[in-house]
């Protein structure tokens, strides 16, 4: 859930992290949802 400025101004992503490891890209979606990207 997002609050604050206009939500459609933001591309959004999901990342994940386990102890001792760097934060890992999972998925992203463009501002209006037309484009998505995923980790393999």
ModelCIF file with pLDDT and N, C-alpha, C, O atoms, coordinates in Angstrom:
data_MODEL
#
_entry.id   MODEL 
#
_entity.id                         1 
_entity.type                       polymer 
_entity.pdbx_number_of_molecules   1 
#
_entity_poly.entity_id                      1 
_entity_poly.type                           'polypeptide(L)' 
_entity_poly.nstd_linkage                   no 
_entity_poly.nstd_monomer                   no 
_entity_poly.pdbx_seq_one_letter_code       
;(UNK)(UNK)(UNK)(UNK)(UNK)(UNK)(UNK)(UNK)(UNK)(UNK)(UNK)(UNK)(UNK)(UNK)(UNK)(UNK)
(UNK)(UNK)(UNK)(UNK)(UNK)(UNK)(UNK)(UNK)(UNK)(UNK)(UNK)(UNK)(UNK)(UNK)(UNK)(UNK)
(UNK)(UNK)(UNK)(UNK)(UNK)(UNK)(UNK)(UNK)
;
_entity_poly.pdbx_seq_one_letter_code_can   XXXXXXXXXXXXXXXXXXXXXXXXXXXXXXXXXXXXXXXX 
_entity_poly.pdbx_strand_id                 A 
#
loop_
_entity_poly_seq.entity_id 
_entity_poly_seq.num 
_entity_poly_seq.mon_id 
_entity_poly_seq.hetero 
1 1  UNK n 
1 2  UNK n 
1 3  UNK n 
1 4  UNK n 
1 5  UNK n 
1 6  UNK n 
1 7  UNK n 
1 8  UNK n 
1 9  UNK n 
1 10 UNK n 
1 11 UNK n 
1 12 UNK n 
1 13 UNK n 
1 14 UNK n 
1 15 UNK n 
1 16 UNK n 
1 17 UNK n 
1 18 UNK n 
1 19 UNK n 
1 20 UNK n 
1 21 UNK n 
1 22 UNK n 
1 23 UNK n 
1 24 UNK n 
1 25 UNK n 
1 26 UNK n 
1 27 UNK n 
1 28 UNK n 
1 29 UNK n 
1 30 UNK n 
1 31 UNK n 
1 32 UNK n 
1 33 UNK n 
1 34 UNK n 
1 35 UNK n 
1 36 UNK n 
1 37 UNK n 
1 38 UNK n 
1 39 UNK n 
1 40 UNK n 
#
_struct_asym.id          A 
_struct_asym.entity_id   1 
#
loop_
_ma_qa_metric.id 
_ma_qa_metric.mode 
_ma_qa_metric.name 
_ma_qa_metric.software_group_id 
_ma_qa_metric.type 
1 global pLDDT . pLDDT 
2 local  pLDDT . pLDDT 
#
_ma_qa_metric_global.metric_id      1 
_ma_qa_metric_global.metric_value   95.35 
_ma_qa_metric_global.model_id       1 
_ma_qa_metric_global.ordinal_id     1 
#
loop_
_ma_qa_metric_local.label_asym_id 
_ma_qa_metric_local.label_comp_id 
_ma_qa_metric_local.label_seq_id 
_ma_qa_metric_local.metric_id 
_ma_qa_metric_local.metric_value 
_ma_qa_metric_local.model_id 
_ma_qa_metric_local.ordinal_id 
A UNK 1  2 98.00 1 1  
A UNK 2  2 97.00 1 2  
A UNK 3  2 94.00 1 3  
A UNK 4  2 80.00 1 4  
A UNK 5  2 75.00 1 5  
A UNK 6  2 91.00 1 6  
A UNK 7  2 93.00 1 7  
A UNK 8  2 92.00 1 8  
A UNK 9  2 92.00 1 9  
A UNK 10 2 94.00 1 10 
A UNK 11 2 96.00 1 11 
A UNK 12 2 97.00 1 12 
A UNK 13 2 98.00 1 13 
A UNK 14 2 98.00 1 14 
A UNK 15 2 98.00 1 15 
A UNK 16 2 98.00 1 16 
A UNK 17 2 98.00 1 17 
A UNK 18 2 97.00 1 18 
A UNK 19 2 95.00 1 19 
A UNK 20 2 95.00 1 20 
A UNK 21 2 96.00 1 21 
A UNK 22 2 95.00 1 22 
A UNK 23 2 97.00 1 23 
A UNK 24 2 98.00 1 24 
A UNK 25 2 98.00 1 25 
A UNK 26 2 98.00 1 26 
A UNK 27 2 98.00 1 27 
A UNK 28 2 98.00 1 28 
A UNK 29 2 97.00 1 29 
A UNK 30 2 96.00 1 30 
A UNK 31 2 95.00 1 31 
A UNK 32 2 95.00 1 32 
A UNK 33 2 96.00 1 33 
A UNK 34 2 95.00 1 34 
A UNK 35 2 96.00 1 35 
A UNK 36 2 98.00 1 36 
A UNK 37 2 98.00 1 37 
A UNK 38 2 98.00 1 38 
A UNK 39 2 98.00 1 39 
A UNK 40 2 98.00 1 40 
#
loop_
_atom_site.group_PDB 
_atom_site.id 
_atom_site.type_symbol 
_atom_site.label_atom_id 
_atom_site.label_alt_id 
_atom_site.label_comp_id 
_atom_site.label_asym_id 
_atom_site.label_entity_id 
_atom_site.label_seq_id 
_atom_site.pdbx_PDB_ins_code 
_atom_site.Cartn_x 
_atom_site.Cartn_y 
_atom_site.Cartn_z 
_atom_site.occupancy 
_atom_site.B_iso_or_equiv 
_atom_site.pdbx_formal_charge 
_atom_site.auth_seq_id 
_atom_site.auth_comp_id 
_atom_site.auth_asym_id 
_atom_site.auth_atom_id 
_atom_site.pdbx_PDB_model_num 
ATOM 1   N N  . UNK A 1 1  ? 0.836  -1.184  0.000   1.00 98.00 ? 1  UNK A N  1 
ATOM 2   C CA . UNK A 1 1  ? 0.000  0.000   0.000   1.00 98.00 ? 1  UNK A CA 1 
ATOM 3   C C  . UNK A 1 1  ? 0.877  1.243   0.000   1.00 98.00 ? 1  UNK A C  1 
ATOM 4   O O  . UNK A 1 1  ? 1.811  1.358   0.794   1.00 98.00 ? 1  UNK A O  1 
ATOM 5   N N  . UNK A 1 2  ? 0.567  2.167   -0.896  1.00 97.00 ? 2  UNK A N  1 
ATOM 6   C CA . UNK A 1 2  ? 1.344  3.397   -1.019  1.00 97.00 ? 2  UNK A CA 1 
ATOM 7   C C  . UNK A 1 2  ? 0.521  4.594   -0.589  1.00 97.00 ? 2  UNK A C  1 
ATOM 8   O O  . UNK A 1 2  ? -0.676 4.678   -0.861  1.00 97.00 ? 2  UNK A O  1 
ATOM 9   N N  . UNK A 1 3  ? 1.176  5.507   0.079   1.00 94.00 ? 3  UNK A N  1 
ATOM 10  C CA . UNK A 1 3  ? 0.517  6.764   0.453   1.00 94.00 ? 3  UNK A CA 1 
ATOM 11  C C  . UNK A 1 3  ? 1.486  7.902   0.206   1.00 94.00 ? 3  UNK A C  1 
ATOM 12  O O  . UNK A 1 3  ? 2.703  7.714   0.202   1.00 94.00 ? 3  UNK A O  1 
ATOM 13  N N  . UNK A 1 4  ? 0.930  9.082   0.002   1.00 80.00 ? 4  UNK A N  1 
ATOM 14  C CA . UNK A 1 4  ? 1.786  10.229  -0.254  1.00 80.00 ? 4  UNK A CA 1 
ATOM 15  C C  . UNK A 1 4  ? 1.509  10.819  -1.617  1.00 80.00 ? 4  UNK A C  1 
ATOM 16  O O  . UNK A 1 4  ? 0.376  11.184  -1.932  1.00 80.00 ? 4  UNK A O  1 
ATOM 17  N N  . UNK A 1 5  ? 2.545  10.908  -2.420  1.00 75.00 ? 5  UNK A N  1 
ATOM 18  C CA . UNK A 1 5  ? 2.415  11.540  -3.729  1.00 75.00 ? 5  UNK A CA 1 
ATOM 19  C C  . UNK A 1 5  ? 1.631  10.676  -4.712  1.00 75.00 ? 5  UNK A C  1 
ATOM 20  O O  . UNK A 1 5  ? 1.242  9.558   -4.377  1.00 75.00 ? 5  UNK A O  1 
ATOM 21  N N  . UNK A 1 6  ? 1.402  11.176  -5.898  1.00 91.00 ? 6  UNK A N  1 
ATOM 22  C CA . UNK A 1 6  ? 0.653  10.480  -6.930  1.00 91.00 ? 6  UNK A CA 1 
ATOM 23  C C  . UNK A 1 6  ? 1.296  9.140   -7.253  1.00 91.00 ? 6  UNK A C  1 
ATOM 24  O O  . UNK A 1 6  ? 2.437  9.083   -7.711  1.00 91.00 ? 6  UNK A O  1 
ATOM 25  N N  . UNK A 1 7  ? 0.558  8.063   -7.012  1.00 93.00 ? 7  UNK A N  1 
ATOM 26  C CA . UNK A 1 7  ? 1.110  6.718   -7.127  1.00 93.00 ? 7  UNK A CA 1 
ATOM 27  C C  . UNK A 1 7  ? 1.580  6.415   -8.537  1.00 93.00 ? 7  UNK A C  1 
ATOM 28  O O  . UNK A 1 7  ? 2.588  5.732   -8.718  1.00 93.00 ? 7  UNK A O  1 
ATOM 29  N N  . UNK A 1 8  ? 0.874  6.906   -9.531  1.00 92.00 ? 8  UNK A N  1 
ATOM 30  C CA . UNK A 1 8  ? 1.262  6.612   -10.915 1.00 92.00 ? 8  UNK A CA 1 
ATOM 31  C C  . UNK A 1 8  ? 2.557  7.311   -11.327 1.00 92.00 ? 8  UNK A C  1 
ATOM 32  O O  . UNK A 1 8  ? 3.041  7.095   -12.438 1.00 92.00 ? 8  UNK A O  1 
ATOM 33  N N  . UNK A 1 9  ? 3.113  8.124   -10.474 1.00 92.00 ? 9  UNK A N  1 
ATOM 34  C CA . UNK A 1 9  ? 4.422  8.721   -10.743 1.00 92.00 ? 9  UNK A CA 1 
ATOM 35  C C  . UNK A 1 9  ? 5.567  7.730   -10.543 1.00 92.00 ? 9  UNK A C  1 
ATOM 36  O O  . UNK A 1 9  ? 6.708  8.000   -10.917 1.00 92.00 ? 9  UNK A O  1 
ATOM 37  N N  . UNK A 1 10 ? 5.242  6.562   -9.940  1.00 94.00 ? 10 UNK A N  1 
ATOM 38  C CA . UNK A 1 10 ? 6.295  5.652   -9.505  1.00 94.00 ? 10 UNK A CA 1 
ATOM 39  C C  . UNK A 1 10 ? 6.252  4.327   -10.245 1.00 94.00 ? 10 UNK A C  1 
ATOM 40  O O  . UNK A 1 10 ? 5.222  3.654   -10.277 1.00 94.00 ? 10 UNK A O  1 
ATOM 41  N N  . UNK A 1 11 ? 7.381  3.958   -10.839 1.00 96.00 ? 11 UNK A N  1 
ATOM 42  C CA . UNK A 1 11 ? 7.569  2.564   -11.188 1.00 96.00 ? 11 UNK A CA 1 
ATOM 43  C C  . UNK A 1 11 ? 7.758  1.805   -9.880  1.00 96.00 ? 11 UNK A C  1 
ATOM 44  O O  . UNK A 1 11 ? 8.357  2.323   -8.937  1.00 96.00 ? 11 UNK A O  1 
ATOM 45  N N  . UNK A 1 12 ? 7.253  0.593   -9.827  1.00 97.00 ? 12 UNK A N  1 
ATOM 46  C CA . UNK A 1 12 ? 7.291  -0.160  -8.581  1.00 97.00 ? 12 UNK A CA 1 
ATOM 47  C C  . UNK A 1 12 ? 8.024  -1.478  -8.773  1.00 97.00 ? 12 UNK A C  1 
ATOM 48  O O  . UNK A 1 12 ? 7.988  -2.083  -9.845  1.00 97.00 ? 12 UNK A O  1 
ATOM 49  N N  . UNK A 1 13 ? 8.683  -1.902  -7.714  1.00 98.00 ? 13 UNK A N  1 
ATOM 50  C CA . UNK A 1 13 ? 9.406  -3.155  -7.782  1.00 98.00 ? 13 UNK A CA 1 
ATOM 51  C C  . UNK A 1 13 ? 9.246  -3.958  -6.508  1.00 98.00 ? 13 UNK A C  1 
ATOM 52  O O  . UNK A 1 13 ? 8.895  -3.432  -5.452  1.00 98.00 ? 13 UNK A O  1 
ATOM 53  N N  . UNK A 1 14 ? 9.510  -5.238  -6.638  1.00 98.00 ? 14 UNK A N  1 
ATOM 54  C CA . UNK A 1 14 ? 9.612  -6.142  -5.484  1.00 98.00 ? 14 UNK A CA 1 
ATOM 55  C C  . UNK A 1 14 ? 11.025 -6.709  -5.459  1.00 98.00 ? 14 UNK A C  1 
ATOM 56  O O  . UNK A 1 14 ? 11.562 -7.129  -6.484  1.00 98.00 ? 14 UNK A O  1 
ATOM 57  N N  . UNK A 1 15 ? 11.608 -6.713  -4.284  1.00 98.00 ? 15 UNK A N  1 
ATOM 58  C CA . UNK A 1 15 ? 12.923 -7.287  -4.045  1.00 98.00 ? 15 UNK A CA 1 
ATOM 59  C C  . UNK A 1 15 ? 12.819 -8.243  -2.869  1.00 98.00 ? 15 UNK A C  1 
ATOM 60  O O  . UNK A 1 15 ? 11.843 -8.212  -2.119  1.00 98.00 ? 15 UNK A O  1 
ATOM 61  N N  . UNK A 1 16 ? 13.812 -9.080  -2.713  1.00 98.00 ? 16 UNK A N  1 
ATOM 62  C CA . UNK A 1 16 ? 13.845 -9.967  -1.558  1.00 98.00 ? 16 UNK A CA 1 
ATOM 63  C C  . UNK A 1 16 ? 15.273 -10.089 -1.048  1.00 98.00 ? 16 UNK A C  1 
ATOM 64  O O  . UNK A 1 16 ? 16.241 -9.876  -1.778  1.00 98.00 ? 16 UNK A O  1 
ATOM 65  N N  . UNK A 1 17 ? 15.368 -10.438 0.222   1.00 98.00 ? 17 UNK A N  1 
ATOM 66  C CA . UNK A 1 17 ? 16.677 -10.522 0.854   1.00 98.00 ? 17 UNK A CA 1 
ATOM 67  C C  . UNK A 1 17 ? 16.682 -11.604 1.918   1.00 98.00 ? 17 UNK A C  1 
ATOM 68  O O  . UNK A 1 17 ? 15.741 -11.735 2.701   1.00 98.00 ? 17 UNK A O  1 
ATOM 69  N N  . UNK A 1 18 ? 17.759 -12.374 1.930   1.00 97.00 ? 18 UNK A N  1 
ATOM 70  C CA . UNK A 1 18 ? 17.987 -13.360 2.983   1.00 97.00 ? 18 UNK A CA 1 
ATOM 71  C C  . UNK A 1 18 ? 19.229 -12.941 3.754   1.00 97.00 ? 18 UNK A C  1 
ATOM 72  O O  . UNK A 1 18 ? 20.053 -12.189 3.235   1.00 97.00 ? 18 UNK A O  1 
ATOM 73  N N  . UNK A 1 19 ? 19.373 -13.418 4.990   1.00 95.00 ? 19 UNK A N  1 
ATOM 74  C CA . UNK A 1 19 ? 20.506 -12.991 5.824   1.00 95.00 ? 19 UNK A CA 1 
ATOM 75  C C  . UNK A 1 19 ? 21.845 -13.249 5.149   1.00 95.00 ? 19 UNK A C  1 
ATOM 76  O O  . UNK A 1 19 ? 22.104 -14.334 4.628   1.00 95.00 ? 19 UNK A O  1 
ATOM 77  N N  . UNK A 1 20 ? 22.682 -12.226 5.174   1.00 95.00 ? 20 UNK A N  1 
ATOM 78  C CA . UNK A 1 20 ? 24.021 -12.366 4.620   1.00 95.00 ? 20 UNK A CA 1 
ATOM 79  C C  . UNK A 1 20 ? 24.122 -12.188 3.127   1.00 95.00 ? 20 UNK A C  1 
ATOM 80  O O  . UNK A 1 20 ? 25.210 -12.280 2.559   1.00 95.00 ? 20 UNK A O  1 
ATOM 81  N N  . UNK A 1 21 ? 22.988 -11.931 2.476   1.00 96.00 ? 21 UNK A N  1 
ATOM 82  C CA . UNK A 1 21 ? 22.993 -11.764 1.023   1.00 96.00 ? 21 UNK A CA 1 
ATOM 83  C C  . UNK A 1 21 ? 22.487 -10.378 0.650   1.00 96.00 ? 21 UNK A C  1 
ATOM 84  O O  . UNK A 1 21 ? 21.799 -9.714  1.425   1.00 96.00 ? 21 UNK A O  1 
ATOM 85  N N  . UNK A 1 22 ? 22.848 -9.963  -0.556  1.00 95.00 ? 22 UNK A N  1 
ATOM 86  C CA . UNK A 1 22 ? 22.377 -8.671  -1.042  1.00 95.00 ? 22 UNK A CA 1 
ATOM 87  C C  . UNK A 1 22 ? 20.902 -8.763  -1.430  1.00 95.00 ? 22 UNK A C  1 
ATOM 88  O O  . UNK A 1 22 ? 20.370 -9.838  -1.707  1.00 95.00 ? 22 UNK A O  1 
ATOM 89  N N  . UNK A 1 23 ? 20.270 -7.599  -1.437  1.00 97.00 ? 23 UNK A N  1 
ATOM 90  C CA . UNK A 1 23 ? 18.880 -7.546  -1.854  1.00 97.00 ? 23 UNK A CA 1 
ATOM 91  C C  . UNK A 1 23 ? 18.788 -7.926  -3.334  1.00 97.00 ? 23 UNK A C  1 
ATOM 92  O O  . UNK A 1 23 ? 19.563 -7.442  -4.159  1.00 97.00 ? 23 UNK A O  1 
ATOM 93  N N  . UNK A 1 24 ? 17.836 -8.794  -3.655  1.00 98.00 ? 24 UNK A N  1 
ATOM 94  C CA . UNK A 1 24 ? 17.730 -9.400  -4.975  1.00 98.00 ? 24 UNK A CA 1 
ATOM 95  C C  . UNK A 1 24 ? 16.460 -8.922  -5.676  1.00 98.00 ? 24 UNK A C  1 
ATOM 96  O O  . UNK A 1 24 ? 15.385 -8.900  -5.077  1.00 98.00 ? 24 UNK A O  1 
ATOM 97  N N  . UNK A 1 25 ? 16.589 -8.542  -6.946  1.00 98.00 ? 25 UNK A N  1 
ATOM 98  C CA . UNK A 1 25 ? 15.445 -8.147  -7.745  1.00 98.00 ? 25 UNK A CA 1 
ATOM 99  C C  . UNK A 1 25 ? 14.511 -9.331  -7.956  1.00 98.00 ? 25 UNK A C  1 
ATOM 100 O O  . UNK A 1 25 ? 14.956 -10.446 -8.228  1.00 98.00 ? 25 UNK A O  1 
ATOM 101 N N  . UNK A 1 26 ? 13.209 -9.077  -7.829  1.00 98.00 ? 26 UNK A N  1 
ATOM 102 C CA . UNK A 1 26 ? 12.211 -10.108 -8.080  1.00 98.00 ? 26 UNK A CA 1 
ATOM 103 C C  . UNK A 1 26 ? 11.344 -9.731  -9.283  1.00 98.00 ? 26 UNK A C  1 
ATOM 104 O O  . UNK A 1 26 ? 11.221 -10.500 -10.236 1.00 98.00 ? 26 UNK A O  1 
ATOM 105 N N  . UNK A 1 27 ? 10.750 -8.546  -9.225  1.00 98.00 ? 27 UNK A N  1 
ATOM 106 C CA . UNK A 1 27 ? 9.839  -8.136  -10.298 1.00 98.00 ? 27 UNK A CA 1 
ATOM 107 C C  . UNK A 1 27 ? 9.674  -6.626  -10.268 1.00 98.00 ? 27 UNK A C  1 
ATOM 108 O O  . UNK A 1 27 ? 9.890  -5.988  -9.237  1.00 98.00 ? 27 UNK A O  1 
ATOM 109 N N  . UNK A 1 28 ? 9.288  -6.055  -11.411 1.00 98.00 ? 28 UNK A N  1 
ATOM 110 C CA . UNK A 1 28 ? 9.025  -4.628  -11.494 1.00 98.00 ? 28 UNK A CA 1 
ATOM 111 C C  . UNK A 1 28 ? 7.880  -4.371  -12.459 1.00 98.00 ? 28 UNK A C  1 
ATOM 112 O O  . UNK A 1 28 ? 7.606  -5.172  -13.353 1.00 98.00 ? 28 UNK A O  1 
ATOM 113 N N  . UNK A 1 29 ? 7.221  -3.242  -12.262 1.00 97.00 ? 29 UNK A N  1 
ATOM 114 C CA . UNK A 1 29 ? 6.111  -2.861  -13.128 1.00 97.00 ? 29 UNK A CA 1 
ATOM 115 C C  . UNK A 1 29 ? 6.205  -1.372  -13.398 1.00 97.00 ? 29 UNK A C  1 
ATOM 116 O O  . UNK A 1 29 ? 6.512  -0.589  -12.499 1.00 97.00 ? 29 UNK A O  1 
ATOM 117 N N  . UNK A 1 30 ? 5.943  -0.983  -14.629 1.00 96.00 ? 30 UNK A N  1 
ATOM 118 C CA . UNK A 1 30 ? 6.045  0.415   -15.012 1.00 96.00 ? 30 UNK A CA 1 
ATOM 119 C C  . UNK A 1 30 ? 4.909  1.220   -14.408 1.00 96.00 ? 30 UNK A C  1 
ATOM 120 O O  . UNK A 1 30 ? 3.989  0.669   -13.803 1.00 96.00 ? 30 UNK A O  1 
ATOM 121 N N  . UNK A 1 31 ? 4.986  2.515   -14.580 1.00 95.00 ? 31 UNK A N  1 
ATOM 122 C CA . UNK A 1 31 ? 4.088  3.438   -13.888 1.00 95.00 ? 31 UNK A CA 1 
ATOM 123 C C  . UNK A 1 31 ? 2.619  3.149   -14.157 1.00 95.00 ? 31 UNK A C  1 
ATOM 124 O O  . UNK A 1 31 ? 1.796  3.242   -13.246 1.00 95.00 ? 31 UNK A O  1 
ATOM 125 N N  . UNK A 1 32 ? 2.284  2.806   -15.375 1.00 95.00 ? 32 UNK A N  1 
ATOM 126 C CA . UNK A 1 32 ? 0.880  2.558   -15.722 1.00 95.00 ? 32 UNK A CA 1 
ATOM 127 C C  . UNK A 1 32 ? 0.589  1.074   -15.934 1.00 95.00 ? 32 UNK A C  1 
ATOM 128 O O  . UNK A 1 32 ? -0.481 0.707   -16.420 1.00 95.00 ? 32 UNK A O  1 
ATOM 129 N N  . UNK A 1 33 ? 1.547  0.226   -15.567 1.00 96.00 ? 33 UNK A N  1 
ATOM 130 C CA . UNK A 1 33 ? 1.316  -1.215  -15.588 1.00 96.00 ? 33 UNK A CA 1 
ATOM 131 C C  . UNK A 1 33 ? 1.441  -1.878  -16.937 1.00 96.00 ? 33 UNK A C  1 
ATOM 132 O O  . UNK A 1 33 ? 1.103  -3.053  -17.084 1.00 96.00 ? 33 UNK A O  1 
ATOM 133 N N  . UNK A 1 34 ? 1.928  -1.139  -17.936 1.00 95.00 ? 34 UNK A N  1 
ATOM 134 C CA . UNK A 1 34 ? 1.966  -1.721  -19.282 1.00 95.00 ? 34 UNK A CA 1 
ATOM 135 C C  . UNK A 1 34 ? 3.180  -2.602  -19.496 1.00 95.00 ? 34 UNK A C  1 
ATOM 136 O O  . UNK A 1 34 ? 3.191  -3.443  -20.395 1.00 95.00 ? 34 UNK A O  1 
ATOM 137 N N  . UNK A 1 35 ? 4.184  -2.418  -18.688 1.00 96.00 ? 35 UNK A N  1 
ATOM 138 C CA . UNK A 1 35 ? 5.434  -3.182  -18.835 1.00 96.00 ? 35 UNK A CA 1 
ATOM 139 C C  . UNK A 1 35 ? 5.798  -3.828  -17.516 1.00 96.00 ? 35 UNK A C  1 
ATOM 140 O O  . UNK A 1 35 ? 5.721  -3.199  -16.461 1.00 96.00 ? 35 UNK A O  1 
ATOM 141 N N  . UNK A 1 36 ? 6.196  -5.091  -17.580 1.00 98.00 ? 36 UNK A N  1 
ATOM 142 C CA . UNK A 1 36 ? 6.650  -5.797  -16.391 1.00 98.00 ? 36 UNK A CA 1 
ATOM 143 C C  . UNK A 1 36 ? 7.990  -6.477  -16.672 1.00 98.00 ? 36 UNK A C  1 
ATOM 144 O O  . UNK A 1 36 ? 8.362  -6.702  -17.824 1.00 98.00 ? 36 UNK A O  1 
ATOM 145 N N  . UNK A 1 37 ? 8.691  -6.793  -15.611 1.00 98.00 ? 37 UNK A N  1 
ATOM 146 C CA . UNK A 1 37 ? 9.967  -7.492  -15.714 1.00 98.00 ? 37 UNK A CA 1 
ATOM 147 C C  . UNK A 1 37 ? 10.096 -8.442  -14.538 1.00 98.00 ? 37 UNK A C  1 
ATOM 148 O O  . UNK A 1 37 ? 9.600  -8.166  -13.446 1.00 98.00 ? 37 UNK A O  1 
ATOM 149 N N  . UNK A 1 38 ? 10.767 -9.567  -14.770 1.00 98.00 ? 38 UNK A N  1 
ATOM 150 C CA . UNK A 1 38 ? 10.899 -10.584 -13.732 1.00 98.00 ? 38 UNK A CA 1 
ATOM 151 C C  . UNK A 1 38 ? 12.321 -11.132 -13.708 1.00 98.00 ? 38 UNK A C  1 
ATOM 152 O O  . UNK A 1 38 ? 13.005 -11.196 -14.730 1.00 98.00 ? 38 UNK A O  1 
ATOM 153 N N  . UNK A 1 39 ? 12.742 -11.524 -12.508 1.00 98.00 ? 39 UNK A N  1 
ATOM 154 C CA . UNK A 1 39 ? 13.967 -12.296 -12.397 1.00 98.00 ? 39 UNK A CA 1 
ATOM 155 C C  . UNK A 1 39 ? 13.721 -13.665 -13.004 1.00 98.00 ? 39 UNK A C  1 
ATOM 156 O O  . UNK A 1 39 ? 12.608 -14.189 -12.942 1.00 98.00 ? 39 UNK A O  1 
ATOM 157 N N  . UNK A 1 40 ? 14.763 -14.245 -13.593 1.00 98.00 ? 40 UNK A N  1 
ATOM 158 C CA . UNK A 1 40 ? 14.614 -15.561 -14.204 1.00 98.00 ? 40 UNK A CA 1 
ATOM 159 C C  . UNK A 1 40 ? 14.131 -16.609 -13.204 1.00 98.00 ? 40 UNK A C  1 
ATOM 160 O O  . UNK A 1 40 ? 13.955 -17.772 -13.565 1.00 98.00 ? 40 UNK A O  1 
#
